[in-house]
Amino acid sequence: MDWYQWQGGDVILRVRVQPRARRDGFAEPLGEAIKLQLRAPPVDGKANASLIAFLAKAFGVSRAEVTLLSGEHSRTKRLRIQAPQALPAGIEPG
């Protein structure tokens, strides 16, 4: 898949965020990113905080182990998940 890669034991994930969605969850891959729907609005960093919390839960890690690498003010973001304990559907072990 083009939307994630393994770096050692970490996953680098590229997402395209859809804020103010009906539910939180992964959607379809969009080329080099995966669409991720979030209920949070894109105001005052709420969507980024919600994104980090969602990914931490999905990968079985703490919020501190999810790092926003780029895209703080963009819908397209790159994140690092350190040593994931769980893998969502579509992500193969590295």
PDB file of N, CA and C in Angstrom:
ATOM      1  N   MET A   1       0.837  -1.196   0.000  1.00  0.00           N
ATOM      2  CA  MET A   1       0.000   0.000   0.000  1.00  0.00           C
ATOM      3  C   MET A   1       0.875   1.250   0.000  1.00  0.00           C
ATOM      4  N   ASP A   2       0.417   2.264  -0.670  1.00  0.00           N
ATOM      5  CA  ASP A   2       1.169   3.513  -0.747  1.00  0.00           C
ATOM      6  C   ASP A   2       0.918   4.436   0.432  1.00  0.00           C
ATOM      7  N   TRP A   3      -0.117   4.188   1.225  1.00  0.00           N
ATOM      8  CA  TRP A   3      -0.493   5.132   2.291  1.00  0.00           C
ATOM      9  C   TRP A   3       0.152   4.838   3.628  1.00  0.00           C
ATOM     10  N   TYR A   4       0.932   3.778   3.716  1.00  0.00           N
ATOM     11  CA  TYR A   4       1.698   3.531   4.935  1.00  0.00           C
ATOM     12  C   TYR A   4       3.017   2.866   4.585  1.00  0.00           C
ATOM     13  N   GLN A   5       3.972   3.005   5.475  1.00  0.00           N
ATOM     14  CA  GLN A   5       5.245   2.302   5.322  1.00  0.00           C
ATOM     15  C   GLN A   5       5.808   2.023   6.705  1.00  0.00           C
ATOM     16  N   TRP A   6       6.612   0.998   6.778  1.00  0.00           N
ATOM     17  CA  TRP A   6       7.276   0.639   8.024  1.00  0.00           C
ATOM     18  C   TRP A   6       8.657   1.259   8.058  1.00  0.00           C
ATOM     19  N   GLN A   7       9.032   1.828   9.195  1.00  0.00           N
ATOM     20  CA  GLN A   7      10.391   2.309   9.454  1.00  0.00           C
ATOM     21  C   GLN A   7      10.829   1.647  10.750  1.00  0.00           C
ATOM     22  N   GLY A   8      11.583   0.571  10.601  1.00  0.00           N
ATOM     23  CA  GLY A   8      11.926  -0.210  11.786  1.00  0.00           C
ATOM     24  C   GLY A   8      10.651  -0.792  12.354  1.00  0.00           C
ATOM     25  N   GLY A   9      10.370  -0.537  13.610  1.00  0.00           N
ATOM     26  CA  GLY A   9       9.150  -1.025  14.245  1.00  0.00           C
ATOM     27  C   GLY A   9       8.017  -0.021  14.253  1.00  0.00           C
ATOM     28  N   ASP A  10       8.205   1.117  13.585  1.00  0.00           N
ATOM     29  CA  ASP A  10       7.189   2.174  13.556  1.00  0.00           C
ATOM     30  C   ASP A  10       6.456   2.194  12.212  1.00  0.00           C
ATOM     31  N   VAL A  11       5.237   2.697  12.228  1.00  0.00           N
ATOM     32  CA  VAL A  11       4.453   2.863  11.007  1.00  0.00           C
ATOM     33  C   VAL A  11       4.361   4.359  10.700  1.00  0.00           C
ATOM     34  N   ILE A  12       4.680   4.721   9.459  1.00  0.00           N
ATOM     35  CA  ILE A  12       4.455   6.082   8.964  1.00  0.00           C
ATOM     36  C   ILE A  12       3.177   6.016   8.145  1.00  0.00           C
ATOM     37  N   LEU A  13       2.209   6.813   8.530  1.00  0.00           N
ATOM     38  CA  LEU A  13       0.871   6.762   7.949  1.00  0.00           C
ATOM     39  C   LEU A  13       0.545   8.090   7.281  1.00  0.00           C
ATOM     40  N   ARG A  14       0.006   8.042   6.067  1.00  0.00           N
ATOM     41  CA  ARG A  14      -0.456   9.243   5.370  1.00  0.00           C
ATOM     42  C   ARG A  14      -1.980   9.190   5.316  1.00  0.00           C
ATOM     43  N   VAL A  15      -2.620  10.218   5.863  1.00  0.00           N
ATOM     44  CA  VAL A  15      -4.079  10.258   5.914  1.00  0.00           C
ATOM     45  C   VAL A  15      -4.611  11.536   5.281  1.00  0.00           C
ATOM     46  N   ARG A  16      -5.826  11.441   4.793  1.00  0.00           N
ATOM     47  CA  ARG A  16      -6.584  12.593   4.308  1.00  0.00           C
ATOM     48  C   ARG A  16      -7.803  12.670   5.218  1.00  0.00           C
ATOM     49  N   VAL A  17      -7.868  13.704   6.043  1.00  0.00           N
ATOM     50  CA  VAL A  17      -8.888  13.811   7.083  1.00  0.00           C
ATOM     51  C   VAL A  17     -10.149  14.487   6.549  1.00  0.00           C
ATOM     52  N   GLN A  18     -11.289  13.906   6.886  1.00  0.00           N
ATOM     53  CA  GLN A  18     -12.586  14.516   6.619  1.00  0.00           C
ATOM     54  C   GLN A  18     -13.188  14.888   7.966  1.00  0.00           C
ATOM     55  N   PRO A  19     -13.074  16.164   8.374  1.00  0.00           N
ATOM     56  CA  PRO A  19     -13.648  16.572   9.657  1.00  0.00           C
ATOM     57  C   PRO A  19     -15.169  16.676   9.583  1.00  0.00           C
ATOM     58  N   ARG A  20     -15.792  16.747  10.743  1.00  0.00           N
ATOM     59  CA  ARG A  20     -17.248  16.870  10.879  1.00  0.00           C
ATOM     60  C   ARG A  20     -17.996  15.742  10.176  1.00  0.00           C
ATOM     61  N   ALA A  21     -17.447  14.553  10.229  1.00  0.00           N
ATOM     62  CA  ALA A  21     -18.109  13.382   9.641  1.00  0.00           C
ATOM     63  C   ALA A  21     -19.139  12.835  10.621  1.00  0.00           C
ATOM     64  N   ARG A  22     -19.945  11.910  10.168  1.00  0.00           N
ATOM     65  CA  ARG A  22     -20.963  11.313  11.035  1.00  0.00           C
ATOM     66  C   ARG A  22     -20.363  10.388  12.080  1.00  0.00           C
ATOM     67  N   ARG A  23     -19.189   9.811  11.757  1.00  0.00           N
ATOM     68  CA  ARG A  23     -18.555   8.864  12.673  1.00  0.00           C
ATOM     69  C   ARG A  23     -17.051   8.959  12.520  1.00  0.00           C
ATOM     70  N   ASP A  24     -16.332   8.437  13.497  1.00  0.00           N
ATOM     71  CA  ASP A  24     -14.883   8.320  13.400  1.00  0.00           C
ATOM     72  C   ASP A  24     -14.562   6.978  12.763  1.00  0.00           C
ATOM     73  N   GLY A  25     -13.662   6.966  11.788  1.00  0.00           N
ATOM     74  CA  GLY A  25     -13.277   5.681  11.211  1.00  0.00           C
ATOM     75  C   GLY A  25     -12.482   5.822   9.934  1.00  0.00           C
ATOM     76  N   PHE A  26     -11.830   4.716   9.576  1.00  0.00           N
ATOM     77  CA  PHE A  26     -11.107   4.652   8.321  1.00  0.00           C
ATOM     78  C   PHE A  26     -12.102   4.509   7.180  1.00  0.00           C
ATOM     79  N   ALA A  27     -11.787   5.114   6.041  1.00  0.00           N
ATOM     80  CA  ALA A  27     -12.595   4.966   4.837  1.00  0.00           C
ATOM     81  C   ALA A  27     -11.687   4.356   3.764  1.00  0.00           C
ATOM     82  N   GLU A  28     -11.911   4.719   2.524  1.00  0.00           N
ATOM     83  CA  GLU A  28     -11.169   4.108   1.425  1.00  0.00           C
ATOM     84  C   GLU A  28      -9.797   4.753   1.207  1.00  0.00           C
ATOM     85  N   PRO A  29      -8.842   3.976   0.676  1.00  0.00           N
ATOM     86  CA  PRO A  29      -7.548   4.558   0.283  1.00  0.00           C
ATOM     87  C   PRO A  29      -7.740   5.532  -0.879  1.00  0.00           C
ATOM     88  N   LEU A  30      -6.999   6.621  -0.847  1.00  0.00           N
ATOM     89  CA  LEU A  30      -7.052   7.643  -1.902  1.00  0.00           C
ATOM     90  C   LEU A  30      -5.643   7.833  -2.465  1.00  0.00           C
ATOM     91  N   GLY A  31      -5.175   6.898  -3.257  1.00  0.00           N
ATOM     92  CA  GLY A  31      -3.834   7.005  -3.812  1.00  0.00           C
ATOM     93  C   GLY A  31      -2.777   6.839  -2.742  1.00  0.00           C
ATOM     94  N   GLU A  32      -2.073   7.917  -2.412  1.00  0.00           N
ATOM     95  CA  GLU A  32      -0.982   7.855  -1.440  1.00  0.00           C
ATOM     96  C   GLU A  32      -1.420   8.199  -0.023  1.00  0.00           C
ATOM     97  N   ALA A  33      -2.706   8.242   0.232  1.00  0.00           N
ATOM     98  CA  ALA A  33      -3.229   8.503   1.581  1.00  0.00           C
ATOM     99  C   ALA A  33      -4.477   7.648   1.784  1.00  0.00           C
ATOM    100  N   ILE A  34      -4.850   7.486   3.042  1.00  0.00           N
ATOM    101  CA  ILE A  34      -6.112   6.818   3.339  1.00  0.00           C
ATOM    102  C   ILE A  34      -7.052   7.854   3.940  1.00  0.00           C
ATOM    103  N   LYS A  35      -8.292   7.823   3.509  1.00  0.00           N
ATOM    104  CA  LYS A  35      -9.283   8.763   4.027  1.00  0.00           C
ATOM    105  C   LYS A  35      -9.673   8.332   5.429  1.00  0.00           C
ATOM    106  N   LEU A  36      -9.696   9.292   6.331  1.00  0.00           N
ATOM    107  CA  LEU A  36     -10.062   9.036   7.713  1.00  0.00           C
ATOM    108  C   LEU A  36     -11.125  10.043   8.114  1.00  0.00           C
ATOM    109  N   GLN A  37     -12.264   9.562   8.552  1.00  0.00           N
ATOM    110  CA  GLN A  37     -13.373  10.427   8.931  1.00  0.00           C
ATOM    111  C   GLN A  37     -13.332  10.685  10.427  1.00  0.00           C
ATOM    112  N   LEU A  38     -13.515  11.957  10.796  1.00  0.00           N
ATOM    113  CA  LEU A  38     -13.529  12.357  12.204  1.00  0.00           C
ATOM    114  C   LEU A  38     -14.752  13.223  12.478  1.00  0.00           C
ATOM    115  N   ARG A  39     -15.382  13.009  13.608  1.00  0.00           N
ATOM    116  CA  ARG A  39     -16.524  13.845  14.004  1.00  0.00           C
ATOM    117  C   ARG A  39     -16.096  15.239  14.436  1.00  0.00           C
ATOM    118  N   ALA A  40     -14.879  15.384  14.894  1.00  0.00           N
ATOM    119  CA  ALA A  40     -14.406  16.668  15.436  1.00  0.00           C
ATOM    120  C   ALA A  40     -14.334  17.737  14.339  1.00  0.00           C
ATOM    121  N   PRO A  41     -14.619  18.990  14.706  1.00  0.00           N
ATOM    122  CA  PRO A  41     -14.484  20.085  13.739  1.00  0.00           C
ATOM    123  C   PRO A  41     -13.016  20.515  13.613  1.00  0.00           C
ATOM    124  N   PRO A  42     -12.652  21.096  12.479  1.00  0.00           N
ATOM    125  CA  PRO A  42     -11.269  21.551  12.298  1.00  0.00           C
ATOM    126  C   PRO A  42     -11.044  22.923  12.935  1.00  0.00           C
ATOM    127  N   VAL A  43     -11.291  23.035  14.234  1.00  0.00           N
ATOM    128  CA  VAL A  43     -11.202  24.305  14.944  1.00  0.00           C
ATOM    129  C   VAL A  43     -10.300  24.141  16.164  1.00  0.00           C
ATOM    130  N   ASP A  44      -9.371  25.054  16.346  1.00  0.00           N
ATOM    131  CA  ASP A  44      -8.509  25.097  17.532  1.00  0.00           C
ATOM    132  C   ASP A  44      -7.798  23.769  17.810  1.00  0.00           C
ATOM    133  N   GLY A  45      -7.419  23.055  16.767  1.00  0.00           N
ATOM    134  CA  GLY A  45      -6.673  21.813  16.948  1.00  0.00           C
ATOM    135  C   GLY A  45      -7.503  20.627  17.402  1.00  0.00           C
ATOM    136  N   LYS A  46      -8.836  20.769  17.445  1.00  0.00           N
ATOM    137  CA  LYS A  46      -9.688  19.672  17.915  1.00  0.00           C
ATOM    138  C   LYS A  46      -9.610  18.456  16.998  1.00  0.00           C
ATOM    139  N   ALA A  47      -9.568  18.685  15.696  1.00  0.00           N
ATOM    140  CA  ALA A  47      -9.494  17.559  14.760  1.00  0.00           C
ATOM    141  C   ALA A  47      -8.159  16.828  14.908  1.00  0.00           C
ATOM    142  N   ASN A  48      -7.064  17.551  15.092  1.00  0.00           N
ATOM    143  CA  ASN A  48      -5.757  16.901  15.276  1.00  0.00           C
ATOM    144  C   ASN A  48      -5.733  16.084  16.568  1.00  0.00           C
ATOM    145  N   ALA A  49      -6.276  16.634  17.638  1.00  0.00           N
ATOM    146  CA  ALA A  49      -6.327  15.901  18.908  1.00  0.00           C
ATOM    147  C   ALA A  49      -7.190  14.652  18.773  1.00  0.00           C
ATOM    148  N   SER A  50      -8.311  14.778  18.077  1.00  0.00           N
ATOM    149  CA  SER A  50      -9.193  13.641  17.856  1.00  0.00           C
ATOM    150  C   SER A  50      -8.514  12.591  16.976  1.00  0.00           C
ATOM    151  N   LEU A  51      -7.788  13.048  15.968  1.00  0.00           N
ATOM    152  CA  LEU A  51      -7.048  12.136  15.089  1.00  0.00           C
ATOM    153  C   LEU A  51      -6.017  11.329  15.873  1.00  0.00           C
ATOM    154  N   ILE A  52      -5.256  11.997  16.707  1.00  0.00           N
ATOM    155  CA  ILE A  52      -4.230  11.312  17.503  1.00  0.00           C
ATOM    156  C   ILE A  52      -4.869  10.308  18.460  1.00  0.00           C
ATOM    157  N   ALA A  53      -5.955  10.684  19.106  1.00  0.00           N
ATOM    158  CA  ALA A  53      -6.648   9.769  20.020  1.00  0.00           C
ATOM    159  C   ALA A  53      -7.208   8.564  19.264  1.00  0.00           C
ATOM    160  N   PHE A  54      -7.800   8.800  18.100  1.00  0.00           N
ATOM    161  CA  PHE A  54      -8.359   7.714  17.291  1.00  0.00           C
ATOM    162  C   PHE A  54      -7.271   6.733  16.860  1.00  0.00           C
ATOM    163  N   LEU A  55      -6.158   7.256  16.343  1.00  0.00           N
ATOM    164  CA  LEU A  55      -5.075   6.390  15.876  1.00  0.00           C
ATOM    165  C   LEU A  55      -4.421   5.638  17.037  1.00  0.00           C
ATOM    166  N   ALA A  56      -4.276   6.288  18.172  1.00  0.00           N
ATOM    167  CA  ALA A  56      -3.702   5.614  19.345  1.00  0.00           C
ATOM    168  C   ALA A  56      -4.548   4.394  19.720  1.00  0.00           C
ATOM    169  N   LYS A  57      -5.843   4.566  19.734  1.00  0.00           N
ATOM    170  CA  LYS A  57      -6.738   3.457  20.068  1.00  0.00           C
ATOM    171  C   LYS A  57      -6.680   2.375  18.988  1.00  0.00           C
ATOM    172  N   ALA A  58      -6.707   2.779  17.711  1.00  0.00           N
ATOM    173  CA  ALA A  58      -6.702   1.817  16.606  1.00  0.00           C
ATOM    174  C   ALA A  58      -5.434   0.974  16.567  1.00  0.00           C
ATOM    175  N   PHE A  59      -4.300   1.567  16.945  1.00  0.00           N
ATOM    176  CA  PHE A  59      -3.018   0.863  16.898  1.00  0.00           C
ATOM    177  C   PHE A  59      -2.591   0.313  18.266  1.00  0.00           C
ATOM    178  N   GLY A  60      -3.394   0.506  19.288  1.00  0.00           N
ATOM    179  CA  GLY A  60      -3.107  -0.052  20.605  1.00  0.00           C
ATOM    180  C   GLY A  60      -1.915   0.577  21.303  1.00  0.00           C
ATOM    181  N   VAL A  61      -1.743   1.885  21.127  1.00  0.00           N
ATOM    182  CA  VAL A  61      -0.629   2.602  21.759  1.00  0.00           C
ATOM    183  C   VAL A  61      -1.170   3.794  22.536  1.00  0.00           C
ATOM    184  N   SER A  62      -0.291   4.447  23.299  1.00  0.00           N
ATOM    185  CA  SER A  62      -0.698   5.665  24.003  1.00  0.00           C
ATOM    186  C   SER A  62      -0.673   6.843  23.033  1.00  0.00           C
ATOM    187  N   ARG A  63      -1.331   7.910  23.396  1.00  0.00           N
ATOM    188  CA  ARG A  63      -1.335   9.114  22.555  1.00  0.00           C
ATOM    189  C   ARG A  63       0.064   9.669  22.363  1.00  0.00           C
ATOM    190  N   ALA A  64       0.920   9.505  23.347  1.00  0.00           N
ATOM    191  CA  ALA A  64       2.290  10.006  23.259  1.00  0.00           C
ATOM    192  C   ALA A  64       3.094   9.268  22.190  1.00  0.00           C
ATOM    193  N   GLU A  65       2.638   8.094  21.791  1.00  0.00           N
ATOM    194  CA  GLU A  65       3.348   7.309  20.781  1.00  0.00           C
ATOM    195  C   GLU A  65       2.860   7.585  19.361  1.00  0.00           C
ATOM    196  N   VAL A  66       1.945   8.538  19.210  1.00  0.00           N
ATOM    197  CA  VAL A  66       1.470   8.978  17.894  1.00  0.00           C
ATOM    198  C   VAL A  66       1.964  10.400  17.697  1.00  0.00           C
ATOM    199  N   THR A  67       2.778  10.599  16.666  1.00  0.00           N
ATOM    200  CA  THR A  67       3.391  11.906  16.412  1.00  0.00           C
ATOM    201  C   THR A  67       2.933  12.445  15.066  1.00  0.00           C
ATOM    202  N   LEU A  68       2.466  13.680  15.054  1.00  0.00           N
ATOM    203  CA  LEU A  68       2.108  14.356  13.814  1.00  0.00           C
ATOM    204  C   LEU A  68       3.388  14.891  13.189  1.00  0.00           C
ATOM    205  N   LEU A  69       3.790  14.319  12.057  1.00  0.00           N
ATOM    206  CA  LEU A  69       5.034  14.716  11.405  1.00  0.00           C
ATOM    207  C   LEU A  69       4.857  15.918  10.484  1.00  0.00           C
ATOM    208  N   SER A  70       3.727  15.979   9.783  1.00  0.00           N
ATOM    209  CA  SER A  70       3.469  17.113   8.896  1.00  0.00           C
ATOM    210  C   SER A  70       1.974  17.244   8.657  1.00  0.00           C
ATOM    211  N   GLY A  71       1.549  18.442   8.266  1.00  0.00           N
ATOM    212  CA  GLY A  71       0.157  18.682   7.936  1.00  0.00           C
ATOM    213  C   GLY A  71      -0.702  19.193   9.070  1.00  0.00           C
ATOM    214  N   GLU A  72      -0.091  19.879  10.022  1.00  0.00           N
ATOM    215  CA  GLU A  72      -0.857  20.362  11.177  1.00  0.00           C
ATOM    216  C   GLU A  72      -2.083  21.178  10.771  1.00  0.00           C
ATOM    217  N   HIS A  73      -1.967  22.007   9.728  1.00  0.00           N
ATOM    218  CA  HIS A  73      -3.070  22.865   9.288  1.00  0.00           C
ATOM    219  C   HIS A  73      -3.644  22.423   7.944  1.00  0.00           C
ATOM    220  N   SER A  74      -3.403  21.187   7.566  1.00  0.00           N
ATOM    221  CA  SER A  74      -3.843  20.655   6.283  1.00  0.00           C
ATOM    222  C   SER A  74      -4.706  19.431   6.517  1.00  0.00           C
ATOM    223  N   ARG A  75      -5.516  19.078   5.532  1.00  0.00           N
ATOM    224  CA  ARG A  75      -6.292  17.843   5.641  1.00  0.00           C
ATOM    225  C   ARG A  75      -5.421  16.617   5.380  1.00  0.00           C
ATOM    226  N   THR A  76      -4.346  16.787   4.628  1.00  0.00           N
ATOM    227  CA  THR A  76      -3.421  15.691   4.363  1.00  0.00           C
ATOM    228  C   THR A  76      -2.313  15.735   5.398  1.00  0.00           C
ATOM    229  N   LYS A  77      -2.113  14.620   6.105  1.00  0.00           N
ATOM    230  CA  LYS A  77      -1.179  14.586   7.233  1.00  0.00           C
ATOM    231  C   LYS A  77      -0.305  13.338   7.165  1.00  0.00           C
ATOM    232  N   ARG A  78       0.893  13.436   7.749  1.00  0.00           N
ATOM    233  CA  ARG A  78       1.785  12.293   7.950  1.00  0.00           C
ATOM    234  C   ARG A  78       1.963  12.109   9.440  1.00  0.00           C
ATOM    235  N   LEU A  79       1.835  10.867   9.894  1.00  0.00           N
ATOM    236  CA  LEU A  79       1.960  10.569  11.313  1.00  0.00           C
ATOM    237  C   LEU A  79       2.845   9.358  11.517  1.00  0.00           C
ATOM    238  N   ARG A  80       3.513   9.320  12.660  1.00  0.00           N
ATOM    239  CA  ARG A  80       4.320   8.164  13.060  1.00  0.00           C
ATOM    240  C   ARG A  80       3.629   7.506  14.250  1.00  0.00           C
ATOM    241  N   ILE A  81       3.435   6.195  14.136  1.00  0.00           N
ATOM    242  CA  ILE A  81       2.913   5.402  15.242  1.00  0.00           C
ATOM    243  C   ILE A  81       4.057   4.516  15.712  1.00  0.00           C
ATOM    244  N   GLN A  82       4.501   4.732  16.932  1.00  0.00           N
ATOM    245  CA  GLN A  82       5.647   4.005  17.469  1.00  0.00           C
ATOM    246  C   GLN A  82       5.225   2.632  17.983  1.00  0.00           C
ATOM    247  N   ALA A  83       5.890   1.601  17.477  1.00  0.00           N
ATOM    248  CA  ALA A  83       5.714   0.216  17.932  1.00  0.00           C
ATOM    249  C   ALA A  83       4.254  -0.160  18.153  1.00  0.00           C
ATOM    250  N   PRO A  84       3.446  -0.156  17.080  1.00  0.00           N
ATOM    251  CA  PRO A  84       2.026  -0.482  17.242  1.00  0.00           C
ATOM    252  C   PRO A  84       1.813  -1.874  17.815  1.00  0.00           C
ATOM    253  N   GLN A  85       0.837  -1.981  18.698  1.00  0.00           N
ATOM    254  CA  GLN A  85       0.488  -3.253  19.327  1.00  0.00           C
ATOM    255  C   GLN A  85      -0.659  -3.948  18.604  1.00  0.00           C
ATOM    256  N   ALA A  86      -1.391  -3.193  17.783  1.00  0.00           N
ATOM    257  CA  ALA A  86      -2.499  -3.722  16.985  1.00  0.00           C
ATOM    258  C   ALA A  86      -2.408  -3.090  15.605  1.00  0.00           C
ATOM    259  N   LEU A  87      -2.905  -3.794  14.598  1.00  0.00           N
ATOM    260  CA  LEU A  87      -2.890  -3.271  13.227  1.00  0.00           C
ATOM    261  C   LEU A  87      -4.301  -3.252  12.657  1.00  0.00           C
ATOM    262  N   PRO A  88      -4.784  -2.078  12.248  1.00  0.00           N
ATOM    263  CA  PRO A  88      -6.093  -2.004  11.615  1.00  0.00           C
ATOM    264  C   PRO A  88      -6.100  -2.787  10.299  1.00  0.00           C
ATOM    265  N   ALA A  89      -7.268  -3.138   9.813  1.00  0.00           N
ATOM    266  CA  ALA A  89      -7.395  -3.856   8.548  1.00  0.00           C
ATOM    267  C   ALA A  89      -6.692  -3.102   7.428  1.00  0.00           C
ATOM    268  N   GLY A  90      -5.988  -3.834   6.586  1.00  0.00           N
ATOM    269  CA  GLY A  90      -5.301  -3.223   5.456  1.00  0.00           C
ATOM    270  C   GLY A  90      -3.827  -2.940   5.695  1.00  0.00           C
ATOM    271  N   ILE A  91      -3.374  -3.047   6.929  1.00  0.00           N
ATOM    272  CA  ILE A  91      -1.967  -2.803   7.233  1.00  0.00           C
ATOM    273  C   ILE A  91      -1.310  -4.138   7.571  1.00  0.00           C
ATOM    274  N   GLU A  92      -0.334  -4.480   6.774  1.00  0.00           N
ATOM    275  CA  GLU A  92       0.380  -5.738   6.948  1.00  0.00           C
ATOM    276  C   GLU A  92       1.555  -5.543   7.915  1.00  0.00           C
ATOM    277  N   PRO A  93       1.859  -6.541   8.720  1.00  0.00           N
ATOM    278  CA  PRO A  93       3.022  -6.434   9.612  1.00  0.00           C
ATOM    279  C   PRO A  93       4.314  -6.175   8.837  1.00  0.00           C
ATOM    280  N   GLY A  94       5.188  -5.375   9.421  1.00  0.00           N
ATOM    281  CA  GLY A  94       6.436  -5.012   8.751  1.00  0.00           C
ATOM    282  C   GLY A  94       7.587  -5.894   9.097  1.00  0.00           C
TER     283      GLY A  94
END
